[in-house]
C-alpha atoms as a PDB file:
ATOM      1  CA  MET A   1     -61.319 -40.859  51.888  1.00  0.00           C
ATOM      2  CA  SER A   2     -64.661 -39.558  50.626  1.00  0.00           C
ATOM      3  CA  GLU A   3     -65.464 -38.902  47.047  1.00  0.00           C
ATOM      4  CA  THR A   4     -65.879 -35.118  47.811  1.00  0.00           C
ATOM      5  CA  ALA A   5     -62.391 -34.955  49.411  1.00  0.00           C
ATOM      6  CA  THR A   6     -60.837 -36.793  46.495  1.00  0.00           C
ATOM      7  CA  LYS A   7     -62.483 -34.290  44.079  1.00  0.00           C
ATOM      8  CA  LEU A   8     -61.116 -31.322  46.130  1.00  0.00           C
ATOM      9  CA  ASP A   9     -57.548 -32.677  45.874  1.00  0.00           C
ATOM     10  CA  THR A  10     -57.593 -32.971  41.961  1.00  0.00           C
ATOM     11  CA  GLN A  11     -57.439 -30.404  39.298  1.00  0.00           C
ATOM     12  CA  ASP A  12     -58.297 -30.473  35.578  1.00  0.00           C
ATOM     13  CA  ILE A  13     -56.766 -28.556  32.619  1.00  0.00           C
ATOM     14  CA  VAL A  14     -59.495 -27.466  30.141  1.00  0.00           C
ATOM     15  CA  VAL A  15     -58.764 -25.877  26.812  1.00  0.00           C
ATOM     16  CA  ASP A  16     -61.661 -25.122  24.386  1.00  0.00           C
ATOM     17  CA  GLU A  17     -61.150 -23.752  20.906  1.00  0.00           C
ATOM     18  CA  VAL A  18     -63.010 -23.482  17.616  1.00  0.00           C
ATOM     19  CA  PHE A  19     -61.211 -24.279  14.452  1.00  0.00           C
ATOM     20  CA  PRO A  20     -62.224 -23.744  10.771  1.00  0.00           C
ATOM     21  CA  HIS A  21     -61.881 -27.479   9.905  1.00  0.00           C
ATOM     22  CA  ALA A  22     -64.326 -30.290   9.652  1.00  0.00           C
ATOM     23  CA  PRO A  23     -64.407 -32.756  12.561  1.00  0.00           C
ATOM     24  CA  GLU A  24     -63.121 -35.483  10.288  1.00  0.00           C
ATOM     25  CA  THR A  25     -59.899 -33.286   9.627  1.00  0.00           C
ATOM     26  CA  ILE A  26     -59.469 -32.580  13.331  1.00  0.00           C
ATOM     27  CA  TRP A  27     -59.938 -36.341  14.109  1.00  0.00           C
ATOM     28  CA  LYS A  28     -57.307 -37.323  11.486  1.00  0.00           C
ATOM     29  CA  THR A  29     -54.944 -34.839  13.107  1.00  0.00           C
ATOM     30  CA  LEU A  30     -55.592 -36.295  16.628  1.00  0.00           C
ATOM     31  CA  THR A  31     -55.468 -39.926  15.723  1.00  0.00           C
ATOM     32  CA  THR A  32     -52.690 -40.201  13.106  1.00  0.00           C
ATOM     33  CA  ALA A  33     -49.485 -41.248  14.992  1.00  0.00           C
ATOM     34  CA  GLU A  34     -47.136 -39.194  12.609  1.00  0.00           C
ATOM     35  CA  LEU A  35     -49.298 -35.994  13.037  1.00  0.00           C
ATOM     36  CA  MET A  36     -49.630 -36.603  16.789  1.00  0.00           C
ATOM     37  CA  GLY A  37     -45.859 -36.486  16.982  1.00  0.00           C
ATOM     38  CA  ARG A  38     -45.871 -33.087  15.259  1.00  0.00           C
ATOM     39  CA  TRP A  39     -48.358 -31.413  17.506  1.00  0.00           C
ATOM     40  CA  LEU A  40     -47.304 -32.851  20.791  1.00  0.00           C
ATOM     41  CA  LEU A  41     -43.566 -32.802  19.791  1.00  0.00           C
ATOM     42  CA  MET A  42     -43.252 -36.325  21.160  1.00  0.00           C
ATOM     43  CA  PRO A  43     -43.917 -39.144  18.689  1.00  0.00           C
ATOM     44  CA  PRO A  44     -45.988 -41.911  20.036  1.00  0.00           C
ATOM     45  CA  THR A  45     -44.914 -45.448  19.968  1.00  0.00           C
ATOM     46  CA  GLY A  46     -47.578 -48.047  19.208  1.00  0.00           C
ATOM     47  CA  PHE A  47     -50.565 -45.602  19.101  1.00  0.00           C
ATOM     48  CA  GLU A  48     -53.612 -46.657  17.294  1.00  0.00           C
ATOM     49  CA  PRO A  49     -57.193 -45.209  17.898  1.00  0.00           C
ATOM     50  CA  VAL A  50     -58.348 -48.593  19.213  1.00  0.00           C
ATOM     51  CA  LYS A  51     -60.014 -49.008  22.664  1.00  0.00           C
ATOM     52  CA  GLY A  52     -57.551 -50.811  24.974  1.00  0.00           C
ATOM     53  CA  LYS A  53     -54.451 -50.194  22.830  1.00  0.00           C
ATOM     54  CA  HIS A  54     -51.318 -49.261  24.834  1.00  0.00           C
ATOM     55  CA  PHE A  55     -48.851 -46.806  23.720  1.00  0.00           C
ATOM     56  CA  THR A  56     -46.054 -44.577  24.873  1.00  0.00           C
ATOM     57  CA  PHE A  57     -44.536 -41.088  24.507  1.00  0.00           C
ATOM     58  CA  GLN A  58     -40.856 -40.342  25.551  1.00  0.00           C
ATOM     59  CA  THR A  59     -39.952 -37.068  27.174  1.00  0.00           C
ATOM     60  CA  THR A  60     -37.054 -35.809  29.266  1.00  0.00           C
ATOM     61  CA  PRO A  61     -36.264 -38.225  32.104  1.00  0.00           C
ATOM     62  CA  ALA A  62     -35.915 -36.859  35.682  1.00  0.00           C
ATOM     63  CA  GLY A  63     -34.533 -38.382  38.828  1.00  0.00           C
ATOM     64  CA  ALA A  64     -35.924 -41.985  39.054  1.00  0.00           C
ATOM     65  CA  TRP A  65     -38.318 -41.498  36.300  1.00  0.00           C
ATOM     66  CA  ASP A  66     -37.276 -42.806  32.821  1.00  0.00           C
ATOM     67  CA  GLY A  67     -39.350 -40.123  30.987  1.00  0.00           C
ATOM     68  CA  ILE A  68     -41.811 -42.613  29.565  1.00  0.00           C
ATOM     69  CA  ILE A  69     -45.428 -41.582  29.459  1.00  0.00           C
ATOM     70  CA  ARG A  70     -47.462 -44.781  29.534  1.00  0.00           C
ATOM     71  CA  CYS A  71     -50.893 -44.459  27.818  1.00  0.00           C
ATOM     72  CA  GLN A  72     -53.953 -46.643  27.107  1.00  0.00           C
ATOM     73  CA  VAL A  73     -56.858 -45.641  24.812  1.00  0.00           C
ATOM     74  CA  LEU A  74     -59.975 -45.580  26.949  1.00  0.00           C
ATOM     75  CA  GLU A  75     -62.570 -44.372  24.570  1.00  0.00           C
ATOM     76  CA  VAL A  76     -62.934 -44.029  20.801  1.00  0.00           C
ATOM     77  CA  THR A  77     -65.975 -42.460  19.055  1.00  0.00           C
ATOM     78  CA  PRO A  78     -64.752 -41.521  15.504  1.00  0.00           C
ATOM     79  CA  ASN A  79     -64.971 -37.729  14.848  1.00  0.00           C
ATOM     80  CA  GLU A  80     -66.442 -37.150  18.198  1.00  0.00           C
ATOM     81  CA  ARG A  81     -64.393 -38.307  21.276  1.00  0.00           C
ATOM     82  CA  LEU A  82     -60.920 -39.922  22.116  1.00  0.00           C
ATOM     83  CA  ALA A  83     -59.783 -40.504  25.608  1.00  0.00           C
ATOM     84  CA  TYR A  84     -56.589 -42.171  26.887  1.00  0.00           C
ATOM     85  CA  ALA A  85     -54.920 -42.653  30.227  1.00  0.00           C
ATOM     86  CA  TRP A  86     -51.715 -40.678  30.668  1.00  0.00           C
ATOM     87  CA  LYS A  87     -49.363 -42.045  33.284  1.00  0.00           C
ATOM     88  CA  GLY A  88     -45.771 -41.315  34.212  1.00  0.00           C
ATOM     89  CA  GLY A  89     -43.380 -40.145  36.715  1.00  0.00           C
ATOM     90  CA  HIS A  90     -41.955 -41.978  39.817  1.00  0.00           C
ATOM     91  CA  GLU A  91     -43.134 -41.775  43.430  1.00  0.00           C
ATOM     92  CA  GLY A  92     -39.528 -40.917  44.493  1.00  0.00           C
ATOM     93  CA  ASN A  93     -39.579 -37.829  42.474  1.00  0.00           C
ATOM     94  CA  VAL A  94     -40.779 -34.422  43.748  1.00  0.00           C
ATOM     95  CA  GLY A  95     -41.758 -31.592  41.329  1.00  0.00           C
ATOM     96  CA  TYR A  96     -41.062 -32.581  37.676  1.00  0.00           C
ATOM     97  CA  GLY A  97     -41.336 -36.341  37.134  1.00  0.00           C
ATOM     98  CA  SER A  98     -43.462 -36.972  40.250  1.00  0.00           C
ATOM     99  CA  ARG A  99     -45.882 -39.818  39.861  1.00  0.00           C
ATOM    100  CA  LEU A 100     -48.814 -38.783  37.445  1.00  0.00           C
ATOM    101  CA  ASP A 101     -51.950 -40.815  36.750  1.00  0.00           C
ATOM    102  CA  THR A 102     -54.226 -38.646  34.444  1.00  0.00           C
ATOM    103  CA  VAL A 103     -56.665 -38.939  31.637  1.00  0.00           C
ATOM    104  CA  VAL A 104     -56.631 -36.890  28.326  1.00  0.00           C
ATOM    105  CA  THR A 105     -60.012 -36.414  26.715  1.00  0.00           C
ATOM    106  CA  TRP A 106     -60.591 -34.828  23.302  1.00  0.00           C
ATOM    107  CA  THR A 107     -64.172 -33.938  22.468  1.00  0.00           C
ATOM    108  CA  LEU A 108     -65.062 -32.678  19.016  1.00  0.00           C
ATOM    109  CA  SER A 109     -68.363 -30.930  18.108  1.00  0.00           C
ATOM    110  CA  ARG A 110     -69.454 -29.749  14.745  1.00  0.00           C
ATOM    111  CA  VAL A 111     -70.200 -25.962  14.844  1.00  0.00           C
ATOM    112  CA  GLU A 112     -70.941 -23.436  12.069  1.00  0.00           C
ATOM    113  CA  ASN A 113     -67.922 -23.254   9.865  1.00  0.00           C
ATOM    114  CA  GLY A 114     -65.840 -25.698  11.820  1.00  0.00           C
ATOM    115  CA  THR A 115     -65.267 -27.775  14.836  1.00  0.00           C
ATOM    116  CA  ARG A 116     -65.195 -27.095  18.633  1.00  0.00           C
ATOM    117  CA  LEU A 117     -62.203 -28.942  20.070  1.00  0.00           C
ATOM    118  CA  ARG A 118     -62.345 -29.420  23.885  1.00  0.00           C
ATOM    119  CA  LEU A 119     -59.372 -30.893  25.703  1.00  0.00           C
ATOM    120  CA  VAL A 120     -59.770 -32.019  29.337  1.00  0.00           C
ATOM    121  CA  HIS A 121     -56.581 -33.262  31.012  1.00  0.00           C
ATOM    122  CA  SER A 122     -57.979 -34.490  34.371  1.00  0.00           C
ATOM    123  CA  GLY A 123     -56.842 -36.027  37.503  1.00  0.00           C
ATOM    124  CA  PHE A 124     -53.842 -33.866  38.577  1.00  0.00           C
ATOM    125  CA  VAL A 125     -53.395 -34.416  42.384  1.00  0.00           C
ATOM    126  CA  LEU A 126     -52.214 -31.254  44.084  1.00  0.00           C
ATOM    127  CA  PRO A 127     -49.738 -30.408  45.461  1.00  0.00           C
ATOM    128  CA  THR A 128     -47.967 -33.551  44.291  1.00  0.00           C
ATOM    129  CA  ASN A 129     -48.692 -32.891  40.581  1.00  0.00           C
ATOM    130  CA  GLY A 130     -48.251 -29.123  40.911  1.00  0.00           C
ATOM    131  CA  THR A 131     -45.267 -28.820  38.434  1.00  0.00           C
ATOM    132  CA  ALA A 132     -46.999 -30.963  35.778  1.00  0.00           C
ATOM    133  CA  PHE A 133     -50.319 -29.075  36.212  1.00  0.00           C
ATOM    134  CA  LYS A 134     -48.515 -25.739  35.779  1.00  0.00           C
ATOM    135  CA  ASN A 135     -46.438 -26.914  32.851  1.00  0.00           C
ATOM    136  CA  MET A 136     -49.132 -28.653  31.084  1.00  0.00           C
ATOM    137  CA  GLY A 137     -51.615 -25.995  31.861  1.00  0.00           C
ATOM    138  CA  GLU A 138     -49.344 -23.540  29.973  1.00  0.00           C
ATOM    139  CA  GLY A 139     -48.437 -25.957  27.188  1.00  0.00           C
ATOM    140  CA  TRP A 140     -51.776 -27.344  26.109  1.00  0.00           C
ATOM    141  CA  PRO A 141     -53.061 -24.165  24.497  1.00  0.00           C
ATOM    142  CA  THR A 142     -49.957 -24.054  22.342  1.00  0.00           C
ATOM    143  CA  VAL A 143     -50.540 -27.692  21.465  1.00  0.00           C
ATOM    144  CA  LEU A 144     -54.101 -26.811  20.179  1.00  0.00           C
ATOM    145  CA  GLN A 145     -52.754 -24.106  18.047  1.00  0.00           C
ATOM    146  CA  ARG A 146     -50.333 -26.655  16.436  1.00  0.00           C
ATOM    147  CA  ILE A 147     -53.293 -28.961  15.951  1.00  0.00           C
ATOM    148  CA  ASP A 148     -55.092 -26.157  14.065  1.00  0.00           C
ATOM    149  CA  THR A 149     -51.978 -25.508  11.864  1.00  0.00           C
ATOM    150  CA  ILE A 150     -51.505 -29.227  11.067  1.00  0.00           C
ATOM    151  CA  ALA A 151     -55.302 -29.745  10.483  1.00  0.00           C
ATOM    152  CA  GLY A 152     -55.058 -26.830   8.098  1.00  0.00           C
ATOM    153  CA  GLU A 153     -52.401 -28.623   6.048  1.00  0.00           C
ATOM    154  CA  HIS A 154     -54.593 -31.636   5.668  1.00  0.00           C
ATOM    155  CA  ASP A 155     -58.020 -30.033   5.339  1.00  0.00           C
ATOM    156  CA  SER A 156     -59.405 -31.241   1.907  1.00  0.00           C
ATOM    157  CA  SER A 157     -62.645 -29.307   2.499  1.00  0.00           C
ATOM    158  CA  ARG A 158     -60.755 -25.944   2.236  1.00  0.00           C
ATOM    159  CA  THR A 159     -59.672 -24.548  -1.132  1.00  0.00           C
ATOM    160  CA  LYS A 160     -55.866 -24.636  -1.335  1.00  0.00           C
ATOM    161  CA  ASN A 161     -55.759 -22.327  -4.237  1.00  0.00           C
ATOM    162  CA  PRO A 162     -56.857 -18.770  -3.365  1.00  0.00           C
ATOM    163  CA  SER A 163     -57.776 -17.989  -6.912  1.00  0.00           C
ATOM    164  CA  GLY A 164     -60.442 -20.634  -6.691  1.00  0.00           C
ATOM    165  CA  ASN A 165     -58.956 -22.749  -9.551  1.00  0.00           C
ATOM    166  CA  ARG A 166     -58.570 -26.409  -8.621  1.00  0.00           C
END
């Protein structure tokens, strides 16, 4: 199959938001296992922001799929970029739980008064991954809002006392 044909068969989910937190705060939220579990609603097992590190998430099993999402850290540039493989499903499943082989990439860019956070979840093969593409396409924006909330709880650069007294 040609490269062009392959690209036509895949879709990416892109979510781009600006948050009023420093890149370091967003980075901590993205790369601390306990915080990941809070914003993704699936605690990771074995996650460390180290290139080559394997880790997993557990979600609802379906059909022949055990519900385990197998990941591997592909790229780490502190406070700027994190990418990991996101694989799951089973070739015997149709719809939810079908074979999935994608990549999640987080890019952080400092902007005035905060950080632009761009998520690209790439490699959805349609129509095979249509259910995952639809569900995750609807879910990732909510996840980014949870990241904002959790980052706000851990943002030491923001004044926690509205009166200005520390």
